[in-house]
Amino acid sequence: GCGHPIVLKMLGQVIDEMGVADKVVFMVDIGCSLLAWDYFDLPTTQTHHGRTVPTAVGFKMADPAKIVIAYMGDGGAYAIGLQHTLTTCLRNNPITTIVVNNTVYAMTGGQLAPTTIDNEITTTTPAGKTEFTTLKGPELLRTIAGKEAYIARGTTDKPLVLKQYLKKALEAQIKNNYSFVEALSA
């Protein structure tokens, strides 16, 4: 039921179709997203949890000609890594961030996350989540993003639509703008 293989397949197709594999640097967060490094023959770096985005920004600053992709789950992007996600968007750093959002901390047992939806049952909210609002990443980023930034939300149950979002995200980065794609996943 994990959505990572779907997202990664679509990303791989986009990279191949655009002919940019020789320019891509791939950053992966710890957790479920870490397994992504087995899918591609690309220069790949695994980062500390929540530090994928600043590592990607540093890589891009060191080599602006590279297409730098930061790939992580909702925990790395919206919990421990939220400050980095926000400031990178605010600065319009030209990287592409891809977040697979399954609304729980799946790798460690399915606990409540900032993205857990109202009344969702998790291992730490057996009666359903009721105590706070759900963090909605793309909506939050849109409030601070420049007009040239590309921000989208897709879903793993519509992979061809998601593929188009991923392509537009890489194209935005090539035009020197920040791009962000959230993929909702089971």
C-alpha atoms as a PDB file:
ATOM      1  CA  GLY A   1       0.000   0.000   0.000  1.00  0.00           C
ATOM      2  CA  CYS A   2       2.994   2.362   0.101  1.00  0.00           C
ATOM      3  CA  GLY A   3       2.870   5.130  -2.504  1.00  0.00           C
ATOM      4  CA  HIS A   4       6.619   5.671  -2.838  1.00  0.00           C
ATOM      5  CA  PRO A   5       7.067   3.256  -5.790  1.00  0.00           C
ATOM      6  CA  ILE A   6       4.355   5.082  -7.753  1.00  0.00           C
ATOM      7  CA  VAL A   7       5.860   8.518  -7.107  1.00  0.00           C
ATOM      8  CA  LEU A   8       9.354   7.276  -7.911  1.00  0.00           C
ATOM      9  CA  LYS A   9       8.241   5.564 -11.123  1.00  0.00           C
ATOM     10  CA  MET A  10       6.613   8.784 -12.321  1.00  0.00           C
ATOM     11  CA  LEU A  11       9.688  10.803 -11.349  1.00  0.00           C
ATOM     12  CA  GLY A  12      11.958   8.349 -13.154  1.00  0.00           C
ATOM     13  CA  GLN A  13       9.852   8.582 -16.292  1.00  0.00           C
ATOM     14  CA  VAL A  14       9.980  12.389 -16.176  1.00  0.00           C
ATOM     15  CA  ILE A  15      13.761  12.418 -15.721  1.00  0.00           C
ATOM     16  CA  ASP A  16      14.180   9.999 -18.650  1.00  0.00           C
ATOM     17  CA  GLU A  17      11.702  11.790 -20.926  1.00  0.00           C
ATOM     18  CA  MET A  18      13.320  15.172 -20.242  1.00  0.00           C
ATOM     19  CA  GLY A  19      16.782  13.670 -20.812  1.00  0.00           C
ATOM     20  CA  VAL A  20      18.218  15.258 -17.673  1.00  0.00           C
ATOM     21  CA  ALA A  21      19.561  12.265 -15.718  1.00  0.00           C
ATOM     22  CA  ASP A  22      23.144  13.497 -16.140  1.00  0.00           C
ATOM     23  CA  LYS A  23      22.176  16.782 -14.442  1.00  0.00           C
ATOM     24  CA  VAL A  24      20.130  15.427 -11.507  1.00  0.00           C
ATOM     25  CA  VAL A  25      21.328  15.195  -7.910  1.00  0.00           C
ATOM     26  CA  PHE A  26      18.893  13.285  -5.687  1.00  0.00           C
ATOM     27  CA  MET A  27      18.600  13.912  -1.936  1.00  0.00           C
ATOM     28  CA  VAL A  28      16.620  11.558   0.298  1.00  0.00           C
ATOM     29  CA  ASP A  29      15.457  11.900   3.875  1.00  0.00           C
ATOM     30  CA  ILE A  30      15.607   9.105   6.417  1.00  0.00           C
ATOM     31  CA  GLY A  31      12.435   7.065   6.899  1.00  0.00           C
ATOM     32  CA  CYS A  32      10.356   5.460   4.165  1.00  0.00           C
ATOM     33  CA  SER A  33      11.745   7.862   1.572  1.00  0.00           C
ATOM     34  CA  LEU A  34      15.266   6.530   2.200  1.00  0.00           C
ATOM     35  CA  LEU A  35      14.461   3.443   0.133  1.00  0.00           C
ATOM     36  CA  ALA A  36      14.247   5.708  -2.933  1.00  0.00           C
ATOM     37  CA  TRP A  37      18.003   5.556  -3.441  1.00  0.00           C
ATOM     38  CA  ASP A  38      17.605   1.972  -4.651  1.00  0.00           C
ATOM     39  CA  TYR A  39      15.421   3.106  -7.578  1.00  0.00           C
ATOM     40  CA  PHE A  40      17.772   5.367  -9.510  1.00  0.00           C
ATOM     41  CA  ASP A  41      21.274   5.373 -10.929  1.00  0.00           C
ATOM     42  CA  LEU A  42      21.802   9.007  -9.933  1.00  0.00           C
ATOM     43  CA  PRO A  43      24.180  10.794  -7.570  1.00  0.00           C
ATOM     44  CA  THR A  44      22.273  10.408  -4.290  1.00  0.00           C
ATOM     45  CA  THR A  45      22.788  11.663  -0.755  1.00  0.00           C
ATOM     46  CA  GLN A  46      20.914  10.502   2.335  1.00  0.00           C
ATOM     47  CA  THR A  47      20.496  13.217   4.942  1.00  0.00           C
ATOM     48  CA  HIS A  48      19.614  13.474   8.597  1.00  0.00           C
ATOM     49  CA  HIS A  49      15.869  13.511   9.223  1.00  0.00           C
ATOM     50  CA  GLY A  50      14.374  16.865   8.273  1.00  0.00           C
ATOM     51  CA  ARG A  51      17.612  18.180   6.773  1.00  0.00           C
ATOM     52  CA  THR A  52      17.114  17.122   3.169  1.00  0.00           C
ATOM     53  CA  VAL A  53      16.010  20.575   1.984  1.00  0.00           C
ATOM     54  CA  PRO A  54      18.989  22.571   3.339  1.00  0.00           C
ATOM     55  CA  THR A  55      21.370  19.914   2.014  1.00  0.00           C
ATOM     56  CA  ALA A  56      19.704  20.264  -1.402  1.00  0.00           C
ATOM     57  CA  VAL A  57      19.998  24.052  -1.236  1.00  0.00           C
ATOM     58  CA  GLY A  58      23.705  23.739  -0.444  1.00  0.00           C
ATOM     59  CA  PHE A  59      24.237  21.382  -3.382  1.00  0.00           C
ATOM     60  CA  LYS A  60      22.410  23.778  -5.707  1.00  0.00           C
ATOM     61  CA  MET A  61      24.485  26.734  -4.479  1.00  0.00           C
ATOM     62  CA  ALA A  62      27.682  24.754  -5.069  1.00  0.00           C
ATOM     63  CA  ASP A  63      26.629  23.703  -8.580  1.00  0.00           C
ATOM     64  CA  PRO A  64      23.789  25.846  -9.978  1.00  0.00           C
ATOM     65  CA  ALA A  65      23.716  23.856 -13.228  1.00  0.00           C
ATOM     66  CA  LYS A  66      22.469  20.745 -11.418  1.00  0.00           C
ATOM     67  CA  ILE A  67      18.806  19.810 -11.052  1.00  0.00           C
ATOM     68  CA  VAL A  68      18.506  19.124  -7.348  1.00  0.00           C
ATOM     69  CA  ILE A  69      15.620  17.086  -5.955  1.00  0.00           C
ATOM     70  CA  ALA A  70      14.829  16.833  -2.243  1.00  0.00           C
ATOM     71  CA  TYR A  71      12.641  13.764  -1.662  1.00  0.00           C
ATOM     72  CA  MET A  72      11.006  13.063   1.691  1.00  0.00           C
ATOM     73  CA  GLY A  73       7.914  12.132   3.620  1.00  0.00           C
ATOM     74  CA  ASP A  74       5.552  14.439   5.455  1.00  0.00           C
ATOM     75  CA  GLY A  75       7.525  14.055   8.704  1.00  0.00           C
ATOM     76  CA  GLY A  76      10.751  15.293   7.137  1.00  0.00           C
ATOM     77  CA  ALA A  77       9.042  18.153   5.317  1.00  0.00           C
ATOM     78  CA  TYR A  78       6.315  19.280   7.723  1.00  0.00           C
ATOM     79  CA  ALA A  79       7.444  18.250  11.201  1.00  0.00           C
ATOM     80  CA  ILE A  80      11.168  18.257  11.937  1.00  0.00           C
ATOM     81  CA  GLY A  81      11.980  19.946   8.598  1.00  0.00           C
ATOM     82  CA  LEU A  82       9.200  22.548   8.408  1.00  0.00           C
ATOM     83  CA  GLN A  83      11.464  25.554   9.005  1.00  0.00           C
ATOM     84  CA  HIS A  84      13.666  24.518   6.081  1.00  0.00           C
ATOM     85  CA  THR A  85      10.677  23.865   3.806  1.00  0.00           C
ATOM     86  CA  LEU A  86       9.271  27.313   4.579  1.00  0.00           C
ATOM     87  CA  THR A  87      12.470  29.336   4.275  1.00  0.00           C
ATOM     88  CA  THR A  88      13.515  27.626   1.043  1.00  0.00           C
ATOM     89  CA  CYS A  89      10.152  28.484  -0.483  1.00  0.00           C
ATOM     90  CA  LEU A  90      10.300  32.031   0.879  1.00  0.00           C
ATOM     91  CA  ARG A  91      13.750  32.562  -0.668  1.00  0.00           C
ATOM     92  CA  ASN A  92      12.684  30.934  -3.967  1.00  0.00           C
ATOM     93  CA  ASN A  93      15.712  28.649  -3.852  1.00  0.00           C
ATOM     94  CA  PRO A  94      15.732  26.818  -7.189  1.00  0.00           C
ATOM     95  CA  ILE A  95      15.352  23.232  -5.994  1.00  0.00           C
ATOM     96  CA  THR A  96      12.504  20.759  -6.340  1.00  0.00           C
ATOM     97  CA  THR A  97      10.979  19.345  -3.177  1.00  0.00           C
ATOM     98  CA  ILE A  98       8.835  16.218  -3.443  1.00  0.00           C
ATOM     99  CA  VAL A  99       6.859  15.161  -0.368  1.00  0.00           C
ATOM    100  CA  VAL A 100       5.011  11.858  -0.066  1.00  0.00           C
ATOM    101  CA  ASN A 101       2.248  12.554   2.465  1.00  0.00           C
ATOM    102  CA  ASN A 102       0.588   9.515   4.039  1.00  0.00           C
ATOM    103  CA  THR A 103      -0.689  11.526   7.071  1.00  0.00           C
ATOM    104  CA  VAL A 104       1.089   9.380   9.697  1.00  0.00           C
ATOM    105  CA  TYR A 105       4.589   8.475  10.872  1.00  0.00           C
ATOM    106  CA  ALA A 106       4.432   5.160   9.014  1.00  0.00           C
ATOM    107  CA  MET A 107       8.027   3.995   9.436  1.00  0.00           C
ATOM    108  CA  THR A 108       7.813   4.084  13.238  1.00  0.00           C
ATOM    109  CA  GLY A 109       4.359   2.622  13.802  1.00  0.00           C
ATOM    110  CA  GLY A 110       1.656   4.865  12.379  1.00  0.00           C
ATOM    111  CA  GLN A 111       1.611   7.616  15.003  1.00  0.00           C
ATOM    112  CA  LEU A 112      -0.117  10.992  14.734  1.00  0.00           C
ATOM    113  CA  ALA A 113       1.644  13.495  12.439  1.00  0.00           C
ATOM    114  CA  PRO A 114       1.057  17.188  11.648  1.00  0.00           C
ATOM    115  CA  THR A 115      -0.724  16.024   8.486  1.00  0.00           C
ATOM    116  CA  THR A 116      -3.082  13.573  10.201  1.00  0.00           C
ATOM    117  CA  ILE A 117      -6.607  14.488   9.116  1.00  0.00           C
ATOM    118  CA  ASP A 118      -9.578  15.139  11.407  1.00  0.00           C
ATOM    119  CA  ASN A 119     -10.912  11.995  13.090  1.00  0.00           C
ATOM    120  CA  GLU A 120      -8.186   9.812  11.535  1.00  0.00           C
ATOM    121  CA  ILE A 121      -7.311   6.847  13.714  1.00  0.00           C
ATOM    122  CA  THR A 122      -3.596   6.362  14.384  1.00  0.00           C
ATOM    123  CA  THR A 123      -1.693   4.296  16.927  1.00  0.00           C
ATOM    124  CA  THR A 124      -1.506   7.347  19.209  1.00  0.00           C
ATOM    125  CA  THR A 125      -5.082   8.548  18.538  1.00  0.00           C
ATOM    126  CA  PRO A 126      -7.170   5.359  18.726  1.00  0.00           C
ATOM    127  CA  ALA A 127     -10.392   7.389  19.037  1.00  0.00           C
ATOM    128  CA  GLY A 128      -9.412   9.613  16.100  1.00  0.00           C
ATOM    129  CA  LYS A 129      -7.502  12.906  15.920  1.00  0.00           C
ATOM    130  CA  THR A 130      -9.411  15.856  17.320  1.00  0.00           C
ATOM    131  CA  GLU A 131      -6.939  18.089  19.114  1.00  0.00           C
ATOM    132  CA  PHE A 132      -5.542  20.368  16.374  1.00  0.00           C
ATOM    133  CA  THR A 133      -5.924  21.458  12.777  1.00  0.00           C
ATOM    134  CA  THR A 134      -4.309  19.491   9.967  1.00  0.00           C
ATOM    135  CA  LEU A 135      -1.226  21.068   8.424  1.00  0.00           C
ATOM    136  CA  LYS A 136      -1.736  21.553   4.694  1.00  0.00           C
ATOM    137  CA  GLY A 137       1.688  22.053   3.143  1.00  0.00           C
ATOM    138  CA  PRO A 138       0.919  23.371  -0.343  1.00  0.00           C
ATOM    139  CA  GLU A 139      -1.624  25.855   1.021  1.00  0.00           C
ATOM    140  CA  LEU A 140       0.867  27.093   3.620  1.00  0.00           C
ATOM    141  CA  LEU A 141       3.645  27.458   1.058  1.00  0.00           C
ATOM    142  CA  ARG A 142       1.400  29.305  -1.383  1.00  0.00           C
ATOM    143  CA  THR A 143       0.960  32.070   1.213  1.00  0.00           C
ATOM    144  CA  ILE A 144       4.704  32.861   1.134  1.00  0.00           C
ATOM    145  CA  ALA A 145       5.819  31.708  -2.314  1.00  0.00           C
ATOM    146  CA  GLY A 146       6.771  34.067  -5.095  1.00  0.00           C
ATOM    147  CA  LYS A 147       4.526  34.066  -8.131  1.00  0.00           C
ATOM    148  CA  GLU A 148       7.118  32.149 -10.195  1.00  0.00           C
ATOM    149  CA  ALA A 149       7.322  29.252  -7.716  1.00  0.00           C
ATOM    150  CA  TYR A 150       5.557  26.051  -8.730  1.00  0.00           C
ATOM    151  CA  ILE A 151       3.476  24.375  -5.997  1.00  0.00           C
ATOM    152  CA  ALA A 152       1.181  21.415  -6.587  1.00  0.00           C
ATOM    153  CA  ARG A 153      -0.575  18.546  -4.859  1.00  0.00           C
ATOM    154  CA  GLY A 154      -1.212  15.268  -6.604  1.00  0.00           C
ATOM    155  CA  THR A 155      -2.123  11.792  -5.504  1.00  0.00           C
ATOM    156  CA  THR A 156      -0.754   8.315  -6.079  1.00  0.00           C
ATOM    157  CA  ASP A 157      -4.140   7.117  -7.342  1.00  0.00           C
ATOM    158  CA  LYS A 158      -3.765   9.436 -10.374  1.00  0.00           C
ATOM    159  CA  PRO A 159      -0.153   8.741 -11.347  1.00  0.00           C
ATOM    160  CA  LEU A 160      -0.271  10.316 -14.809  1.00  0.00           C
ATOM    161  CA  VAL A 161      -1.549  13.599 -13.371  1.00  0.00           C
ATOM    162  CA  LEU A 162       1.167  13.412 -10.714  1.00  0.00           C
ATOM    163  CA  LYS A 163       3.716  12.827 -13.470  1.00  0.00           C
ATOM    164  CA  GLN A 164       2.691  16.095 -15.144  1.00  0.00           C
ATOM    165  CA  TYR A 165       3.117  17.951 -11.833  1.00  0.00           C
ATOM    166  CA  LEU A 166       6.589  16.472 -11.404  1.00  0.00           C
ATOM    167  CA  LYS A 167       7.549  17.548 -14.925  1.00  0.00           C
ATOM    168  CA  LYS A 168       6.303  21.099 -14.310  1.00  0.00           C
ATOM    169  CA  ALA A 169       8.261  21.166 -11.053  1.00  0.00           C
ATOM    170  CA  LEU A 170      11.545  20.261 -12.758  1.00  0.00           C
ATOM    171  CA  GLU A 171      10.827  22.782 -15.518  1.00  0.00           C
ATOM    172  CA  ALA A 172      10.272  25.490 -12.882  1.00  0.00           C
ATOM    173  CA  GLN A 173      13.605  24.665 -11.259  1.00  0.00           C
ATOM    174  CA  ILE A 174      15.351  24.797 -14.643  1.00  0.00           C
ATOM    175  CA  LYS A 175      13.922  28.337 -14.956  1.00  0.00           C
ATOM    176  CA  ASN A 176      15.629  29.114 -11.615  1.00  0.00           C
ATOM    177  CA  ASN A 177      12.546  28.903  -9.377  1.00  0.00           C
ATOM    178  CA  TYR A 178      11.500  26.913  -6.345  1.00  0.00           C
ATOM    179  CA  SER A 179       9.159  24.000  -6.975  1.00  0.00           C
ATOM    180  CA  PHE A 180       7.224  21.734  -4.650  1.00  0.00           C
ATOM    181  CA  VAL A 181       5.014  18.697  -5.262  1.00  0.00           C
ATOM    182  CA  GLU A 182       3.093  16.920  -2.533  1.00  0.00           C
ATOM    183  CA  ALA A 183       1.884  13.413  -3.391  1.00  0.00           C
ATOM    184  CA  LEU A 184      -0.960  12.204  -1.195  1.00  0.00           C
ATOM    185  CA  SER A 185      -0.476   8.508  -0.504  1.00  0.00           C
ATOM    186  CA  ALA A 186      -2.085   5.614   1.329  1.00  0.00           C
END
